[in-house]
Protein backbone atom coordinates (compact mmCIF):
# COMPACT_ATOMS: atom_id res chain seq x y z
CA MET A 1 -75.46 -80.64 31.81
CA ASP A 2 -76.32 -76.98 32.36
CA ARG A 3 -76.52 -74.86 29.24
CA PRO A 4 -74.14 -71.89 29.15
CA ILE A 5 -75.92 -68.92 30.70
CA GLU A 6 -74.90 -66.69 27.79
CA GLU A 7 -76.99 -68.87 25.45
CA LEU A 8 -80.19 -68.66 27.51
CA SER A 9 -83.01 -66.34 26.62
CA PHE A 10 -84.28 -64.08 29.39
CA GLU A 11 -87.31 -66.33 29.85
CA ASP A 12 -85.24 -69.52 30.05
CA ALA A 13 -82.80 -67.94 32.49
CA LEU A 14 -85.63 -66.70 34.69
CA ARG A 15 -87.36 -70.09 34.62
CA GLU A 16 -84.14 -71.86 35.62
CA LEU A 17 -83.54 -69.29 38.37
CA GLU A 18 -87.02 -69.93 39.76
CA THR A 19 -86.33 -73.69 39.76
CA ILE A 20 -83.06 -73.17 41.61
CA VAL A 21 -84.71 -70.95 44.21
CA SER A 22 -87.37 -73.62 44.79
CA GLN A 23 -84.71 -76.30 45.20
CA LEU A 24 -82.76 -74.19 47.66
CA GLU A 25 -85.89 -73.32 49.64
CA THR A 26 -86.61 -77.00 50.30
CA GLY A 27 -83.28 -77.37 52.08
CA ASN A 28 -82.95 -80.93 50.77
CA ALA A 29 -79.84 -80.40 48.64
CA PRO A 30 -76.52 -81.55 50.10
CA LEU A 31 -74.17 -78.68 50.95
CA ASP A 32 -71.96 -79.05 47.86
CA GLU A 33 -75.02 -79.14 45.59
CA ALA A 34 -76.60 -76.17 47.40
CA ILE A 35 -73.42 -74.14 46.86
CA ARG A 36 -73.33 -75.08 43.16
CA LEU A 37 -77.02 -74.16 42.80
CA TYR A 38 -76.49 -70.85 44.61
CA GLU A 39 -73.54 -69.93 42.37
CA ARG A 40 -75.47 -70.78 39.20
CA GLY A 41 -78.51 -68.90 40.52
CA ASP A 42 -76.41 -65.81 41.18
CA LYS A 43 -75.05 -65.90 37.62
CA LEU A 44 -78.59 -66.34 36.26
CA ARG A 45 -79.82 -63.42 38.37
CA ARG A 46 -77.05 -61.19 37.02
CA ARG A 47 -77.80 -62.27 33.43
CA CYS A 48 -81.50 -61.47 33.87
CA ALA A 49 -80.68 -58.07 35.38
CA GLU A 50 -78.33 -57.30 32.46
CA ARG A 51 -81.00 -58.27 29.93
CA LEU A 52 -83.61 -56.12 31.68
CA ASP A 53 -81.24 -53.15 31.83
CA ALA A 54 -80.48 -53.51 28.13
CA ALA A 55 -84.17 -53.75 27.27
CA GLN A 56 -85.01 -50.71 29.38
CA ALA A 57 -82.27 -48.72 27.67
CA ARG A 58 -83.87 -49.44 24.27
CA ILE A 59 -87.44 -48.63 25.27
CA GLU A 60 -88.43 -45.07 24.52
CA ALA A 61 -91.66 -43.28 25.19
CA ILE A 62 -92.81 -41.36 22.12
CA ARG A 63 -95.16 -38.42 22.47
CA LEU A 64 -97.37 -37.53 19.52
CA ASP A 65 -98.76 -34.19 18.40
CA ALA A 66 -102.37 -33.57 17.31
CA GLU A 67 -101.65 -35.11 13.88
CA GLY A 68 -100.10 -38.22 15.40
CA ARG A 69 -96.49 -37.31 14.54
CA PRO A 70 -93.71 -37.90 17.06
CA VAL A 71 -92.89 -34.66 18.86
CA THR A 72 -90.32 -35.78 21.39
CA VAL A 73 -88.60 -38.96 22.34
CA GLN A 74 -87.99 -39.47 26.01
CA PRO A 75 -86.10 -42.25 27.81
CA PHE A 76 -88.35 -44.87 29.31
CA ALA A 77 -88.83 -44.34 33.04
CA ALA A 78 -89.90 -47.45 34.94
CA SER A 79 -91.98 -46.72 37.97
């Protein structure tokens, strides 16, 4: 039985999502199973995106002065 998505770590959710994508890409799953896989994959994708957004919000870039003391704290900007 599938573990509740809320209990999965980011890494576990991503790994399961990759497995689902591989299964769907083969085209071998019956329609009902493909729909179930797609729905679970979409929930996993959203969970991973939420976890990444939360992590990005916590990451801060710290600039240091000549003595190594923090001068300013700026929000992390992913490029």
